[in-house]
Amino acid sequence: MNIKPLADRVLIQPAAAEEKTVSGIIIPDSAKEKPLKGEVIAVGNGTKDEEMVLKQGDLVLYGKYAGTELELDGEKYLIMRQSDVLAVI
């Protein structure tokens, strides 16, 4: 990975969206909800006011509209501030 987030930002790879419901109904792409959890791929160094508490490999929950989407080598990622992360799983 050649992306290094700056300051208090983290790079997250979102978990895959659900393909089927419990009853076995297949969900089309247009109806799938964005996943709200993912894995931390890279972290910045933090700021002088806020130290970085997340680390690479953490599974996290984040807000529905948090972060900026980007695509690299065919993979989708989110980059967001550490404060946009709601919890570590």
PDB file of N, CA and C in Angstrom:
ATOM      1  N   MET A   1       0.859  -1.179   0.000  1.00  0.00           N
ATOM      2  CA  MET A   1       0.000   0.000   0.000  1.00  0.00           C
ATOM      3  C   MET A   1       0.897   1.230   0.000  1.00  0.00           C
ATOM      4  N   ASN A   2       0.682   2.107  -0.968  1.00  0.00           N
ATOM      5  CA  ASN A   2       1.514   3.298  -1.044  1.00  0.00           C
ATOM      6  C   ASN A   2       0.766   4.566  -0.627  1.00  0.00           C
ATOM      7  N   ILE A   3      -0.309   4.426   0.124  1.00  0.00           N
ATOM      8  CA  ILE A   3      -1.023   5.593   0.651  1.00  0.00           C
ATOM      9  C   ILE A   3      -0.725   5.696   2.139  1.00  0.00           C
ATOM     10  N   LYS A   4      -0.281   6.854   2.580  1.00  0.00           N
ATOM     11  CA  LYS A   4      -0.016   7.114   3.990  1.00  0.00           C
ATOM     12  C   LYS A   4      -0.893   8.285   4.413  1.00  0.00           C
ATOM     13  N   PRO A   5      -1.949   8.035   5.201  1.00  0.00           N
ATOM     14  CA  PRO A   5      -2.794   9.138   5.658  1.00  0.00           C
ATOM     15  C   PRO A   5      -1.995  10.136   6.488  1.00  0.00           C
ATOM     16  N   LEU A   6      -2.405  11.395   6.443  1.00  0.00           N
ATOM     17  CA  LEU A   6      -1.740  12.445   7.201  1.00  0.00           C
ATOM     18  C   LEU A   6      -2.523  12.775   8.459  1.00  0.00           C
ATOM     19  N   ALA A   7      -1.833  13.295   9.446  1.00  0.00           N
ATOM     20  CA  ALA A   7      -2.410  13.789  10.702  1.00  0.00           C
ATOM     21  C   ALA A   7      -3.312  12.750  11.348  1.00  0.00           C
ATOM     22  N   ASP A   8      -4.589  13.099  11.582  1.00  0.00           N
ATOM     23  CA  ASP A   8      -5.487  12.200  12.305  1.00  0.00           C
ATOM     24  C   ASP A   8      -6.411  11.422  11.372  1.00  0.00           C
ATOM     25  N   ARG A   9      -5.971  11.153  10.148  1.00  0.00           N
ATOM     26  CA  ARG A   9      -6.801  10.422   9.186  1.00  0.00           C
ATOM     27  C   ARG A   9      -6.424   8.944   9.147  1.00  0.00           C
ATOM     28  N   VAL A  10      -7.424   8.125   8.786  1.00  0.00           N
ATOM     29  CA  VAL A  10      -7.226   6.684   8.660  1.00  0.00           C
ATOM     30  C   VAL A  10      -7.769   6.215   7.320  1.00  0.00           C
ATOM     31  N   LEU A  11      -7.166   5.170   6.769  1.00  0.00           N
ATOM     32  CA  LEU A  11      -7.617   4.549   5.529  1.00  0.00           C
ATOM     33  C   LEU A  11      -8.308   3.251   5.901  1.00  0.00           C
ATOM     34  N   ILE A  12      -9.557   3.095   5.458  1.00  0.00           N
ATOM     35  CA  ILE A  12     -10.374   1.945   5.839  1.00  0.00           C
ATOM     36  C   ILE A  12     -10.838   1.207   4.598  1.00  0.00           C
ATOM     37  N   GLN A  13     -10.774  -0.121   4.639  1.00  0.00           N
ATOM     38  CA  GLN A  13     -11.346  -0.948   3.583  1.00  0.00           C
ATOM     39  C   GLN A  13     -12.698  -1.431   4.090  1.00  0.00           C
ATOM     40  N   PRO A  14     -13.804  -0.957   3.477  1.00  0.00           N
ATOM     41  CA  PRO A  14     -15.130  -1.340   3.949  1.00  0.00           C
ATOM     42  C   PRO A  14     -15.368  -2.841   3.796  1.00  0.00           C
ATOM     43  N   ALA A  15     -16.155  -3.399   4.719  1.00  0.00           N
ATOM     44  CA  ALA A  15     -16.542  -4.803   4.629  1.00  0.00           C
ATOM     45  C   ALA A  15     -17.481  -4.967   3.438  1.00  0.00           C
ATOM     46  N   ALA A  16     -17.559  -6.161   2.903  1.00  0.00           N
ATOM     47  CA  ALA A  16     -18.439  -6.431   1.770  1.00  0.00           C
ATOM     48  C   ALA A  16     -19.897  -6.278   2.185  1.00  0.00           C
ATOM     49  N   ALA A  17     -20.730  -5.758   1.283  1.00  0.00           N
ATOM     50  CA  ALA A  17     -22.159  -5.607   1.558  1.00  0.00           C
ATOM     51  C   ALA A  17     -22.834  -6.969   1.546  1.00  0.00           C
ATOM     52  N   GLU A  18     -23.926  -7.088   2.290  1.00  0.00           N
ATOM     53  CA  GLU A  18     -24.682  -8.338   2.348  1.00  0.00           C
ATOM     54  C   GLU A  18     -25.226  -8.687   0.959  1.00  0.00           C
ATOM     55  N   GLU A  19     -25.035  -9.941   0.542  1.00  0.00           N
ATOM     56  CA  GLU A  19     -25.522 -10.392  -0.757  1.00  0.00           C
ATOM     57  C   GLU A  19     -26.930 -10.974  -0.667  1.00  0.00           C
ATOM     58  N   LYS A  20     -27.272 -11.606   0.459  1.00  0.00           N
ATOM     59  CA  LYS A  20     -28.569 -12.252   0.630  1.00  0.00           C
ATOM     60  C   LYS A  20     -29.155 -11.879   1.979  1.00  0.00           C
ATOM     61  N   THR A  21     -30.473 -11.978   2.071  1.00  0.00           N
ATOM     62  CA  THR A  21     -31.138 -11.800   3.356  1.00  0.00           C
ATOM     63  C   THR A  21     -31.160 -13.137   4.075  1.00  0.00           C
ATOM     64  N   VAL A  22     -31.660 -13.148   5.294  1.00  0.00           N
ATOM     65  CA  VAL A  22     -31.739 -14.385   6.075  1.00  0.00           C
ATOM     66  C   VAL A  22     -32.630 -15.404   5.379  1.00  0.00           C
ATOM     67  N   SER A  23     -33.662 -14.934   4.695  1.00  0.00           N
ATOM     68  CA  SER A  23     -34.594 -15.848   4.029  1.00  0.00           C
ATOM     69  C   SER A  23     -34.075 -16.322   2.673  1.00  0.00           C
ATOM     70  N   GLY A  24     -32.911 -15.825   2.239  1.00  0.00           N
ATOM     71  CA  GLY A  24     -32.313 -16.292   0.992  1.00  0.00           C
ATOM     72  C   GLY A  24     -32.615 -15.422  -0.220  1.00  0.00           C
ATOM     73  N   ILE A  25     -33.280 -14.308  -0.026  1.00  0.00           N
ATOM     74  CA  ILE A  25     -33.581 -13.408  -1.140  1.00  0.00           C
ATOM     75  C   ILE A  25     -32.300 -12.681  -1.539  1.00  0.00           C
ATOM     76  N   ILE A  26     -31.989 -12.664  -2.829  1.00  0.00           N
ATOM     77  CA  ILE A  26     -30.797 -11.992  -3.327  1.00  0.00           C
ATOM     78  C   ILE A  26     -31.083 -10.501  -3.455  1.00  0.00           C
ATOM     79  N   ILE A  27     -30.200  -9.681  -2.916  1.00  0.00           N
ATOM     80  CA  ILE A  27     -30.372  -8.229  -2.911  1.00  0.00           C
ATOM     81  C   ILE A  27     -29.644  -7.633  -4.111  1.00  0.00           C
ATOM     82  N   PRO A  28     -30.341  -6.871  -4.970  1.00  0.00           N
ATOM     83  CA  PRO A  28     -29.655  -6.246  -6.112  1.00  0.00           C
ATOM     84  C   PRO A  28     -28.724  -5.129  -5.642  1.00  0.00           C
ATOM     85  N   ASP A  29     -27.723  -4.804  -6.465  1.00  0.00           N
ATOM     86  CA  ASP A  29     -26.731  -3.782  -6.104  1.00  0.00           C
ATOM     87  C   ASP A  29     -27.369  -2.446  -5.744  1.00  0.00           C
ATOM     88  N   SER A  30     -28.424  -2.065  -6.440  1.00  0.00           N
ATOM     89  CA  SER A  30     -29.040  -0.760  -6.196  1.00  0.00           C
ATOM     90  C   SER A  30     -29.723  -0.677  -4.832  1.00  0.00           C
ATOM     91  N   ALA A  31     -30.072  -1.815  -4.234  1.00  0.00           N
ATOM     92  CA  ALA A  31     -30.780  -1.819  -2.952  1.00  0.00           C
ATOM     93  C   ALA A  31     -29.860  -2.117  -1.768  1.00  0.00           C
ATOM     94  N   LYS A  32     -28.606  -2.431  -2.034  1.00  0.00           N
ATOM     95  CA  LYS A  32     -27.683  -2.756  -0.946  1.00  0.00           C
ATOM     96  C   LYS A  32     -27.336  -1.509  -0.155  1.00  0.00           C
ATOM     97  N   GLU A  33     -27.314  -1.645   1.166  1.00  0.00           N
ATOM     98  CA  GLU A  33     -26.889  -0.533   2.007  1.00  0.00           C
ATOM     99  C   GLU A  33     -25.374  -0.542   2.106  1.00  0.00           C
ATOM    100  N   LYS A  34     -24.813   0.661   2.240  1.00  0.00           N
ATOM    101  CA  LYS A  34     -23.375   0.748   2.425  1.00  0.00           C
ATOM    102  C   LYS A  34     -23.003   0.074   3.732  1.00  0.00           C
ATOM    103  N   PRO A  35     -21.928  -0.695   3.746  1.00  0.00           N
ATOM    104  CA  PRO A  35     -21.487  -1.279   5.019  1.00  0.00           C
ATOM    105  C   PRO A  35     -21.025  -0.183   5.965  1.00  0.00           C
ATOM    106  N   LEU A  36     -21.215  -0.403   7.239  1.00  0.00           N
ATOM    107  CA  LEU A  36     -20.837   0.592   8.238  1.00  0.00           C
ATOM    108  C   LEU A  36     -19.672   0.105   9.087  1.00  0.00           C
ATOM    109  N   LYS A  37     -18.989  -0.933   8.618  1.00  0.00           N
ATOM    110  CA  LYS A  37     -17.807  -1.418   9.315  1.00  0.00           C
ATOM    111  C   LYS A  37     -16.734  -1.742   8.301  1.00  0.00           C
ATOM    112  N   GLY A  38     -15.511  -1.775   8.780  1.00  0.00           N
ATOM    113  CA  GLY A  38     -14.396  -2.064   7.898  1.00  0.00           C
ATOM    114  C   GLY A  38     -13.120  -2.252   8.685  1.00  0.00           C
ATOM    115  N   GLU A  39     -12.043  -2.512   7.943  1.00  0.00           N
ATOM    116  CA  GLU A  39     -10.724  -2.760   8.545  1.00  0.00           C
ATOM    117  C   GLU A  39      -9.810  -1.578   8.276  1.00  0.00           C
ATOM    118  N   VAL A  40      -9.092  -1.160   9.309  1.00  0.00           N
ATOM    119  CA  VAL A  40      -8.122  -0.077   9.169  1.00  0.00           C
ATOM    120  C   VAL A  40      -6.908  -0.615   8.422  1.00  0.00           C
ATOM    121  N   ILE A  41      -6.587   0.026   7.308  1.00  0.00           N
ATOM    122  CA  ILE A  41      -5.460  -0.395   6.466  1.00  0.00           C
ATOM    123  C   ILE A  41      -4.208   0.419   6.775  1.00  0.00           C
ATOM    124  N   ALA A  42      -4.367   1.712   6.998  1.00  0.00           N
ATOM    125  CA  ALA A  42      -3.231   2.591   7.301  1.00  0.00           C
ATOM    126  C   ALA A  42      -3.715   3.742   8.181  1.00  0.00           C
ATOM    127  N   VAL A  43      -2.812   4.274   8.997  1.00  0.00           N
ATOM    128  CA  VAL A  43      -3.149   5.380   9.899  1.00  0.00           C
ATOM    129  C   VAL A  43      -2.105   6.484   9.796  1.00  0.00           C
ATOM    130  N   GLY A  44      -2.544   7.708  10.100  1.00  0.00           N
ATOM    131  CA  GLY A  44      -1.625   8.838  10.171  1.00  0.00           C
ATOM    132  C   GLY A  44      -0.926   8.851  11.527  1.00  0.00           C
ATOM    133  N   ASN A  45      -0.144   9.891  11.777  1.00  0.00           N
ATOM    134  CA  ASN A  45       0.618   9.986  13.027  1.00  0.00           C
ATOM    135  C   ASN A  45      -0.158  10.666  14.150  1.00  0.00           C
ATOM    136  N   GLY A  46      -1.349  11.194  13.854  1.00  0.00           N
ATOM    137  CA  GLY A  46      -2.094  11.951  14.848  1.00  0.00           C
ATOM    138  C   GLY A  46      -1.675  13.408  14.808  1.00  0.00           C
ATOM    139  N   THR A  47      -2.257  14.187  15.702  1.00  0.00           N
ATOM    140  CA  THR A  47      -1.903  15.603  15.793  1.00  0.00           C
ATOM    141  C   THR A  47      -1.384  15.878  17.195  1.00  0.00           C
ATOM    142  N   LYS A  48      -0.889  17.096  17.417  1.00  0.00           N
ATOM    143  CA  LYS A  48      -0.379  17.416  18.754  1.00  0.00           C
ATOM    144  C   LYS A  48      -1.503  17.461  19.781  1.00  0.00           C
ATOM    145  N   ASP A  49      -2.743  17.710  19.327  1.00  0.00           N
ATOM    146  CA  ASP A  49      -3.883  17.759  20.238  1.00  0.00           C
ATOM    147  C   ASP A  49      -4.595  16.418  20.394  1.00  0.00           C
ATOM    148  N   GLU A  50      -4.425  15.513  19.415  1.00  0.00           N
ATOM    149  CA  GLU A  50      -5.133  14.235  19.436  1.00  0.00           C
ATOM    150  C   GLU A  50      -4.199  13.124  18.971  1.00  0.00           C
ATOM    151  N   GLU A  51      -3.852  12.222  19.884  1.00  0.00           N
ATOM    152  CA  GLU A  51      -2.974  11.120  19.503  1.00  0.00           C
ATOM    153  C   GLU A  51      -3.762  10.060  18.750  1.00  0.00           C
ATOM    154  N   MET A  52      -3.089   9.305  17.921  1.00  0.00           N
ATOM    155  CA  MET A  52      -3.721   8.262  17.132  1.00  0.00           C
ATOM    156  C   MET A  52      -3.918   7.031  18.013  1.00  0.00           C
ATOM    157  N   VAL A  53      -5.171   6.640  18.219  1.00  0.00           N
ATOM    158  CA  VAL A  53      -5.463   5.467  19.042  1.00  0.00           C
ATOM    159  C   VAL A  53      -5.795   4.246  18.189  1.00  0.00           C
ATOM    160  N   LEU A  54      -6.138   4.467  16.924  1.00  0.00           N
ATOM    161  CA  LEU A  54      -6.406   3.341  16.025  1.00  0.00           C
ATOM    162  C   LEU A  54      -5.090   2.808  15.485  1.00  0.00           C
ATOM    163  N   LYS A  55      -5.107   1.531  15.130  1.00  0.00           N
ATOM    164  CA  LYS A  55      -3.905   0.938  14.541  1.00  0.00           C
ATOM    165  C   LYS A  55      -4.302   0.052  13.366  1.00  0.00           C
ATOM    166  N   GLN A  56      -3.347  -0.259  12.542  1.00  0.00           N
ATOM    167  CA  GLN A  56      -3.578  -1.090  11.372  1.00  0.00           C
ATOM    168  C   GLN A  56      -4.137  -2.436  11.814  1.00  0.00           C
ATOM    169  N   GLY A  57      -5.188  -2.900  11.124  1.00  0.00           N
ATOM    170  CA  GLY A  57      -5.794  -4.191  11.434  1.00  0.00           C
ATOM    171  C   GLY A  57      -7.028  -4.099  12.320  1.00  0.00           C
ATOM    172  N   ASP A  58      -7.290  -2.936  12.939  1.00  0.00           N
ATOM    173  CA  ASP A  58      -8.487  -2.774  13.769  1.00  0.00           C
ATOM    174  C   ASP A  58      -9.746  -2.890  12.915  1.00  0.00           C
ATOM    175  N   LEU A  59     -10.772  -3.567  13.439  1.00  0.00           N
ATOM    176  CA  LEU A  59     -12.090  -3.572  12.819  1.00  0.00           C
ATOM    177  C   LEU A  59     -12.890  -2.470  13.481  1.00  0.00           C
ATOM    178  N   VAL A  60     -13.478  -1.591  12.680  1.00  0.00           N
ATOM    179  CA  VAL A  60     -14.135  -0.406  13.225  1.00  0.00           C
ATOM    180  C   VAL A  60     -15.538  -0.227  12.651  1.00  0.00           C
ATOM    181  N   LEU A  61     -16.350   0.521  13.391  1.00  0.00           N
ATOM    182  CA  LEU A  61     -17.657   0.978  12.934  1.00  0.00           C
ATOM    183  C   LEU A  61     -17.547   2.474  12.678  1.00  0.00           C
ATOM    184  N   TYR A  62     -18.206   2.952  11.609  1.00  0.00           N
ATOM    185  CA  TYR A  62     -18.158   4.368  11.282  1.00  0.00           C
ATOM    186  C   TYR A  62     -19.530   4.826  10.811  1.00  0.00           C
ATOM    187  N   GLY A  63     -19.732   6.137  10.748  1.00  0.00           N
ATOM    188  CA  GLY A  63     -21.006   6.711  10.353  1.00  0.00           C
ATOM    189  C   GLY A  63     -21.345   6.442   8.894  1.00  0.00           C
ATOM    190  N   LYS A  64     -22.633   6.473   8.587  1.00  0.00           N
ATOM    191  CA  LYS A  64     -23.127   6.143   7.255  1.00  0.00           C
ATOM    192  C   LYS A  64     -22.545   7.036   6.164  1.00  0.00           C
ATOM    193  N   TYR A  65     -22.364   8.318   6.450  1.00  0.00           N
ATOM    194  CA  TYR A  65     -21.864   9.248   5.442  1.00  0.00           C
ATOM    195  C   TYR A  65     -20.446   9.731   5.745  1.00  0.00           C
ATOM    196  N   ALA A  66     -19.724   9.000   6.567  1.00  0.00           N
ATOM    197  CA  ALA A  66     -18.376   9.410   6.968  1.00  0.00           C
ATOM    198  C   ALA A  66     -17.368   9.127   5.853  1.00  0.00           C
ATOM    199  N   GLY A  67     -16.369   9.960   5.793  1.00  0.00           N
ATOM    200  CA  GLY A  67     -15.228   9.709   4.929  1.00  0.00           C
ATOM    201  C   GLY A  67     -15.419  10.075   3.467  1.00  0.00           C
ATOM    202  N   THR A  68     -14.327   9.931   2.746  1.00  0.00           N
ATOM    203  CA  THR A  68     -14.268  10.176   1.317  1.00  0.00           C
ATOM    204  C   THR A  68     -13.912   8.874   0.630  1.00  0.00           C
ATOM    205  N   GLU A  69     -14.716   8.490  -0.356  1.00  0.00           N
ATOM    206  CA  GLU A  69     -14.458   7.239  -1.072  1.00  0.00           C
ATOM    207  C   GLU A  69     -13.345   7.441  -2.094  1.00  0.00           C
ATOM    208  N   LEU A  70     -12.491   6.419  -2.225  1.00  0.00           N
ATOM    209  CA  LEU A  70     -11.481   6.426  -3.277  1.00  0.00           C
ATOM    210  C   LEU A  70     -11.246   5.008  -3.738  1.00  0.00           C
ATOM    211  N   GLU A  71     -10.756   4.872  -4.959  1.00  0.00           N
ATOM    212  CA  GLU A  71     -10.507   3.556  -5.525  1.00  0.00           C
ATOM    213  C   GLU A  71      -9.048   3.471  -5.934  1.00  0.00           C
ATOM    214  N   LEU A  72      -8.400   2.374  -5.540  1.00  0.00           N
ATOM    215  CA  LEU A  72      -6.996   2.164  -5.846  1.00  0.00           C
ATOM    216  C   LEU A  72      -6.801   0.710  -6.226  1.00  0.00           C
ATOM    217  N   ASP A  73      -6.246   0.462  -7.395  1.00  0.00           N
ATOM    218  CA  ASP A  73      -6.011  -0.896  -7.899  1.00  0.00           C
ATOM    219  C   ASP A  73      -7.281  -1.743  -7.881  1.00  0.00           C
ATOM    220  N   GLY A  74      -8.422  -1.135  -8.215  1.00  0.00           N
ATOM    221  CA  GLY A  74      -9.675  -1.867  -8.280  1.00  0.00           C
ATOM    222  C   GLY A  74     -10.351  -2.113  -6.943  1.00  0.00           C
ATOM    223  N   GLU A  75      -9.747  -1.687  -5.851  1.00  0.00           N
ATOM    224  CA  GLU A  75     -10.317  -1.847  -4.509  1.00  0.00           C
ATOM    225  C   GLU A  75     -10.883  -0.517  -4.045  1.00  0.00           C
ATOM    226  N   LYS A  76     -12.009  -0.567  -3.321  1.00  0.00           N
ATOM    227  CA  LYS A  76     -12.610   0.659  -2.791  1.00  0.00           C
ATOM    228  C   LYS A  76     -12.185   0.853  -1.348  1.00  0.00           C
ATOM    229  N   TYR A  77     -11.856   2.103  -1.013  1.00  0.00           N
ATOM    230  CA  TYR A  77     -11.415   2.471   0.327  1.00  0.00           C
ATOM    231  C   TYR A  77     -12.143   3.728   0.769  1.00  0.00           C
ATOM    232  N   LEU A  78     -12.086   3.994   2.054  1.00  0.00           N
ATOM    233  CA  LEU A  78     -12.572   5.238   2.632  1.00  0.00           C
ATOM    234  C   LEU A  78     -11.428   5.870   3.397  1.00  0.00           C
ATOM    235  N   ILE A  79     -11.297   7.179   3.286  1.00  0.00           N
ATOM    236  CA  ILE A  79     -10.333   7.884   4.117  1.00  0.00           C
ATOM    237  C   ILE A  79     -11.133   8.884   4.952  1.00  0.00           C
ATOM    238  N   MET A  80     -10.914   8.856   6.260  1.00  0.00           N
ATOM    239  CA  MET A  80     -11.691   9.706   7.167  1.00  0.00           C
ATOM    240  C   MET A  80     -10.866  10.082   8.373  1.00  0.00           C
ATOM    241  N   ARG A  81     -11.358  11.061   9.112  1.00  0.00           N
ATOM    242  CA  ARG A  81     -10.708  11.458  10.355  1.00  0.00           C
ATOM    243  C   ARG A  81     -10.964  10.406  11.425  1.00  0.00           C
ATOM    244  N   GLN A  82     -10.029  10.273  12.325  1.00  0.00           N
ATOM    245  CA  GLN A  82     -10.176   9.328  13.438  1.00  0.00           C
ATOM    246  C   GLN A  82     -11.458   9.607  14.216  1.00  0.00           C
ATOM    247  N   SER A  83     -11.845  10.865  14.342  1.00  0.00           N
ATOM    248  CA  SER A  83     -13.052  11.224  15.097  1.00  0.00           C
ATOM    249  C   SER A  83     -14.343  10.763  14.416  1.00  0.00           C
ATOM    250  N   ASP A  84     -14.294  10.407  13.119  1.00  0.00           N
ATOM    251  CA  ASP A  84     -15.469   9.887  12.430  1.00  0.00           C
ATOM    252  C   ASP A  84     -15.707   8.411  12.723  1.00  0.00           C
ATOM    253  N   VAL A  85     -14.709   7.749  13.300  1.00  0.00           N
ATOM    254  CA  VAL A  85     -14.856   6.342  13.682  1.00  0.00           C
ATOM    255  C   VAL A  85     -15.614   6.287  15.004  1.00  0.00           C
ATOM    256  N   LEU A  86     -16.667   5.467  15.011  1.00  0.00           N
ATOM    257  CA  LEU A  86     -17.538   5.399  16.189  1.00  0.00           C
ATOM    258  C   LEU A  86     -17.061   4.398  17.234  1.00  0.00           C
ATOM    259  N   ALA A  87     -16.506   3.267  16.795  1.00  0.00           N
ATOM    260  CA  ALA A  87     -16.113   2.230  17.750  1.00  0.00           C
ATOM    261  C   ALA A  87     -15.135   1.248  17.114  1.00  0.00           C
ATOM    262  N   VAL A  88     -14.365   0.585  17.957  1.00  0.00           N
ATOM    263  CA  VAL A  88     -13.504  -0.515  17.533  1.00  0.00           C
ATOM    264  C   VAL A  88     -14.202  -1.801  17.949  1.00  0.00           C
ATOM    265  N   ILE A  89     -14.306  -2.749  17.018  1.00  0.00           N
ATOM    266  CA  ILE A  89     -14.985  -4.017  17.311  1.00  0.00           C
ATOM    267  C   ILE A  89     -13.993  -4.996  17.910  1.00  0.00           C
TER     268      ILE A  89
END
